[in-house]
């Protein structure tokens, strides 16, 4: 019975894994597709220690600002590892202070802004994966918020995975779709001129009333016939 139950669980897990893989493939391309192909610029840092060679590490300190396309990374210290075969960036680790934590932001293909903050930010440039660790928080404009001990965000697809700490939990808020205001009834403008026109036809209705009142003396004029 134990082996049979294990086989059933294994088949169930396999089906769940295949289903999850299928769902991942169906995820819409919400994040920025072309940021990965853009160069990485160290726009600002107070100091730099390192050199631009393959398989090396460079350290940037003080108000660091890194930009790649629409994506921005900020923090107090950033360490950049280059690839083994060339000087392209392999990954980046950004750290900060409690007052100024590492920060990431990116504009997706729909023009919505994604922002994230954590105690440490690891960016895998090869796979376009941002890993936010330590009281991580991610906000996606017009979509919602996520909070957890560790959040992994794919900057190409917008897919996100959350993990809780030993005593923490993962929370997420989904924003409702904003419905447009209903149009005026029958497509009429808010201040239609129709009511002003509808009051004028009432005056012809008063004329028959006056004509009927003028016709009432007619029977009285026939009174002299009794003589």
Protein backbone atom coordinates (compact mmCIF):
# COMPACT_ATOMS: atom_id res chain seq x y z
CA UNK A 1 0.00 0.00 0.00
CA UNK A 2 2.86 2.36 0.82
CA UNK A 3 4.49 1.94 -2.59
CA UNK A 4 1.13 2.38 -4.31
CA UNK A 5 0.44 5.58 -2.39
CA UNK A 6 3.93 6.84 -3.23
CA UNK A 7 3.33 6.18 -6.91
CA UNK A 8 0.01 8.01 -6.79
CA UNK A 9 1.61 10.98 -5.06
CA UNK A 10 4.45 10.98 -7.59
CA UNK A 11 2.03 10.96 -10.52
CA UNK A 12 -0.01 13.72 -8.88
CA UNK A 13 3.08 15.86 -8.33
CA UNK A 14 4.13 15.26 -11.94
CA UNK A 15 0.72 16.36 -13.21
CA UNK A 16 0.84 19.44 -10.98
CA UNK A 17 4.34 20.25 -12.22
CA UNK A 18 3.24 19.95 -15.85
CA UNK A 19 0.18 22.08 -15.14
CA UNK A 20 2.33 24.71 -13.44
CA UNK A 21 4.74 24.70 -16.38
CA UNK A 22 1.82 25.20 -18.74
CA UNK A 23 0.53 28.11 -16.68
CA UNK A 24 3.96 29.70 -16.73
CA UNK A 25 4.02 29.47 -20.50
CA UNK A 26 0.63 31.16 -20.63
CA UNK A 27 1.75 34.09 -18.51
CA UNK A 28 1.32 37.33 -20.50
CA UNK A 29 4.37 39.37 -21.34
CA UNK A 30 3.73 42.12 -18.81
CA UNK A 31 7.28 43.21 -18.09
CA UNK A 32 9.73 44.93 -20.41
CA UNK A 33 10.89 42.70 -23.23
CA UNK A 34 13.78 44.76 -24.58
CA UNK A 35 15.54 45.90 -21.39
CA UNK A 36 17.69 42.76 -21.39
CA UNK A 37 19.29 43.82 -24.69
CA UNK A 38 20.15 47.31 -23.46
CA UNK A 39 23.60 48.24 -22.07
CA UNK A 40 24.06 48.67 -18.32
CA UNK A 41 25.11 52.18 -17.32
CA UNK A 42 26.60 53.13 -13.95
CA UNK A 43 25.09 56.60 -13.98
CA UNK A 44 26.32 57.67 -10.56
CA UNK A 45 28.51 56.52 -7.66
CA UNK A 46 30.71 58.33 -5.17
CA UNK A 47 33.58 55.86 -5.57
CA UNK A 48 34.57 52.84 -7.64
CA UNK A 49 36.99 49.99 -6.99
CA UNK A 50 37.67 47.42 -9.72
CA UNK A 51 38.38 47.05 -13.42
CA UNK A 52 36.49 46.05 -16.53
CA UNK A 53 37.80 42.58 -17.31
CA UNK A 54 36.25 39.14 -17.72
CA UNK A 55 35.51 37.21 -14.51
CA UNK A 56 36.06 40.22 -12.27
CA UNK A 57 34.22 42.17 -9.57
CA UNK A 58 33.81 45.94 -9.40
CA UNK A 59 32.47 47.74 -6.32
CA UNK A 60 30.59 51.03 -6.49
CA UNK A 61 29.79 52.96 -3.31
CA UNK A 62 27.69 55.96 -2.39
CA UNK A 63 24.34 56.90 -3.98
CA UNK A 64 24.70 54.28 -6.69
CA UNK A 65 22.38 54.53 -9.70
CA UNK A 66 22.40 51.81 -12.36
CA UNK A 67 20.20 51.99 -15.47
CA UNK A 68 19.42 49.36 -18.11
CA UNK A 69 16.69 50.50 -20.48
CA UNK A 70 13.70 51.39 -18.33
CA UNK A 71 15.05 49.48 -15.32
CA UNK A 72 16.77 51.38 -12.50
CA UNK A 73 18.71 50.02 -9.53
CA UNK A 74 19.66 52.24 -6.59
CA UNK A 75 21.44 51.59 -3.32
CA UNK A 76 24.39 52.46 -1.14
CA UNK A 77 26.75 49.76 -2.45
CA UNK A 78 26.64 47.79 -5.72
CA UNK A 79 28.96 44.96 -6.69
CA UNK A 80 29.04 43.95 -10.35
CA UNK A 81 30.36 40.59 -11.54
CA UNK A 82 31.38 40.24 -15.18
CA UNK A 83 31.05 37.05 -17.20
CA UNK A 84 33.88 34.55 -17.41
CA UNK A 85 34.27 34.79 -21.18
CA UNK A 86 33.83 38.54 -21.70
CA UNK A 87 33.14 41.84 -19.94
CA UNK A 88 29.35 41.60 -20.08
CA UNK A 89 27.57 41.80 -16.74
CA UNK A 90 26.73 38.46 -15.16
CA UNK A 91 24.98 39.63 -11.99
CA UNK A 92 24.71 42.57 -9.60
CA UNK A 93 24.25 42.69 -5.83
CA UNK A 94 22.95 45.92 -4.31
CA UNK A 95 22.88 46.66 -0.58
CA UNK A 96 21.89 49.72 1.41
CA UNK A 97 20.98 51.06 4.82
CA UNK A 98 17.75 50.94 6.85
CA UNK A 99 17.16 54.55 5.83
CA UNK A 100 17.87 53.92 2.15
CA UNK A 101 17.25 50.34 1.15
CA UNK A 102 18.07 48.88 -2.27
CA UNK A 103 15.44 49.82 -4.83
CA UNK A 104 14.45 48.56 -8.28
CA UNK A 105 11.95 49.98 -10.72
CA UNK A 106 10.92 49.21 -14.28
CA UNK A 107 8.25 50.27 -16.78
CA UNK A 108 6.52 47.34 -18.46
CA UNK A 109 5.33 47.11 -22.06
CA UNK A 110 1.93 48.47 -21.03
CA UNK A 111 3.45 51.61 -19.50
CA UNK A 112 2.87 50.50 -15.88
CA UNK A 113 5.54 51.09 -13.24
CA UNK A 114 6.93 48.27 -11.09
CA UNK A 115 8.86 49.20 -7.93
CA UNK A 116 10.57 46.98 -5.38
CA UNK A 117 12.48 47.45 -2.12
CA UNK A 118 14.36 45.01 0.11
CA UNK A 119 17.37 44.68 2.40
CA UNK A 120 19.35 43.14 -0.48
CA UNK A 121 18.79 43.07 -4.21
CA UNK A 122 20.33 40.42 -6.46
CA UNK A 123 19.94 40.93 -10.19
CA UNK A 124 20.73 38.05 -12.55
CA UNK A 125 21.45 39.80 -15.84
CA UNK A 126 21.71 36.55 -17.80
CA UNK A 127 18.21 35.35 -16.93
CA UNK A 128 16.65 38.77 -16.18
CA UNK A 129 15.73 37.74 -12.63
CA UNK A 130 15.60 40.14 -9.68
CA UNK A 131 15.70 38.53 -6.21
CA UNK A 132 14.65 40.81 -3.35
CA UNK A 133 15.61 39.45 0.07
CA UNK A 134 14.73 40.75 3.53
CA UNK A 135 11.37 42.43 4.14
CA UNK A 136 10.83 42.57 0.39
CA UNK A 137 8.03 44.62 -1.11
CA UNK A 138 6.98 44.87 -4.76
CA UNK A 139 4.31 47.17 -6.16
CA UNK A 140 2.95 46.73 -9.69
CA UNK A 141 0.94 49.68 -10.95
CA UNK A 142 -2.69 48.79 -11.72
CA UNK A 143 -2.04 45.21 -10.59
CA UNK A 144 -1.28 45.02 -6.86
CA UNK A 145 1.34 44.59 -4.14
CA UNK A 146 3.39 41.69 -2.81
CA UNK A 147 5.27 41.40 0.48
CA UNK A 148 7.44 38.61 1.81
CA UNK A 149 10.81 37.61 3.17
CA UNK A 150 11.96 36.87 -0.38
CA UNK A 151 10.42 37.86 -3.69
CA UNK A 152 11.75 36.68 -7.06
CA UNK A 153 10.66 38.81 -10.00
CA UNK A 154 11.19 38.07 -13.69
CA UNK A 155 11.83 41.41 -15.40
CA UNK A 156 11.00 39.90 -18.81
CA UNK A 157 7.63 38.33 -18.04
CA UNK A 158 6.51 39.96 -14.77
CA UNK A 159 6.12 36.52 -13.14
CA UNK A 160 6.78 36.61 -9.39
CA UNK A 161 7.42 34.01 -6.68
CA UNK A 162 7.14 34.83 -2.97
CA UNK A 163 8.66 33.06 0.03
CA UNK A 164 8.08 33.61 3.74
CA UNK A 165 10.65 33.58 6.50
CA UNK A 166 10.70 31.46 9.65
CA UNK A 167 7.94 33.44 11.36
CA UNK A 168 6.70 35.55 8.49
CA UNK A 169 4.22 35.15 5.68
CA UNK A 170 3.70 36.16 2.08
CA UNK A 171 0.93 38.65 1.42
CA UNK A 172 -0.42 39.92 -1.88
CA UNK A 173 -3.02 42.48 -2.85
CA UNK A 174 -4.84 42.33 -6.19
CA UNK A 175 -6.31 45.60 -7.40
CA UNK A 176 -9.76 45.51 -9.00
CA UNK A 177 -10.16 46.47 -12.61
CA UNK A 178 -11.24 50.07 -12.90
CA UNK A 179 -14.61 50.14 -14.67
CA UNK A 180 -15.40 53.15 -16.88
CA UNK A 181 -18.26 55.42 -15.90
CA UNK A 182 -21.57 54.44 -17.53
CA UNK A 183 -22.57 56.64 -20.48
CA UNK A 184 -25.65 58.88 -20.20
CA UNK A 185 -28.96 57.16 -20.88
CA UNK A 186 -29.74 56.69 -24.59
CA UNK A 187 -26.40 58.33 -25.35
CA UNK A 188 -27.80 61.76 -24.49
CA UNK A 189 -25.47 64.54 -23.28
CA UNK A 190 -25.51 65.51 -19.64
CA UNK A 191 -27.41 68.78 -20.36
CA UNK A 192 -29.76 67.93 -23.23
CA UNK A 193 -31.70 70.76 -24.90
CA UNK A 194 -34.72 68.47 -25.43
CA UNK A 195 -36.61 69.51 -22.25
CA UNK A 196 -36.68 73.15 -23.36
CA UNK A 197 -38.25 72.16 -26.69
CA UNK A 198 -40.81 69.86 -25.09
CA UNK A 199 -42.41 72.74 -23.17
CA UNK A 200 -43.40 74.61 -26.36
CA UNK A 201 -45.92 72.05 -27.71
CA UNK A 202 -47.95 72.59 -24.53
CA UNK A 203 -49.18 76.02 -25.79
CA UNK A 204 -51.19 74.62 -28.75
CA UNK A 205 -53.01 72.41 -26.28
CA UNK A 206 -54.27 75.53 -24.51
CA UNK A 207 -55.89 76.90 -27.72
CA UNK A 208 -58.54 74.17 -27.96
CA UNK A 209 -59.45 74.88 -24.37
CA UNK A 210 -60.06 78.56 -25.13
CA UNK A 211 -62.01 77.71 -28.29
CA UNK A 212 -64.27 75.39 -26.35
CA UNK A 213 -64.97 78.10 -23.81
CA UNK A 214 -65.86 80.54 -26.60
CA UNK A 215 -68.31 78.06 -28.09
CA UNK A 216 -70.34 77.75 -24.89
CA UNK A 217 -72.34 80.97 -25.45
CA UNK A 218 -73.73 79.53 -28.74
CA UNK A 219 -76.56 77.59 -27.10
CA UNK A 220 -77.53 80.68 -25.09
CA UNK A 221 -77.98 82.72 -28.32
CA UNK A 222 -80.68 80.31 -29.46
CA UNK A 223 -82.90 81.23 -26.47
CA UNK A 224 -85.07 83.85 -28.36
CA UNK A 225 -86.72 81.09 -30.43
CA UNK A 226 -89.36 80.58 -27.72
CA UNK A 227 -91.19 83.77 -28.69
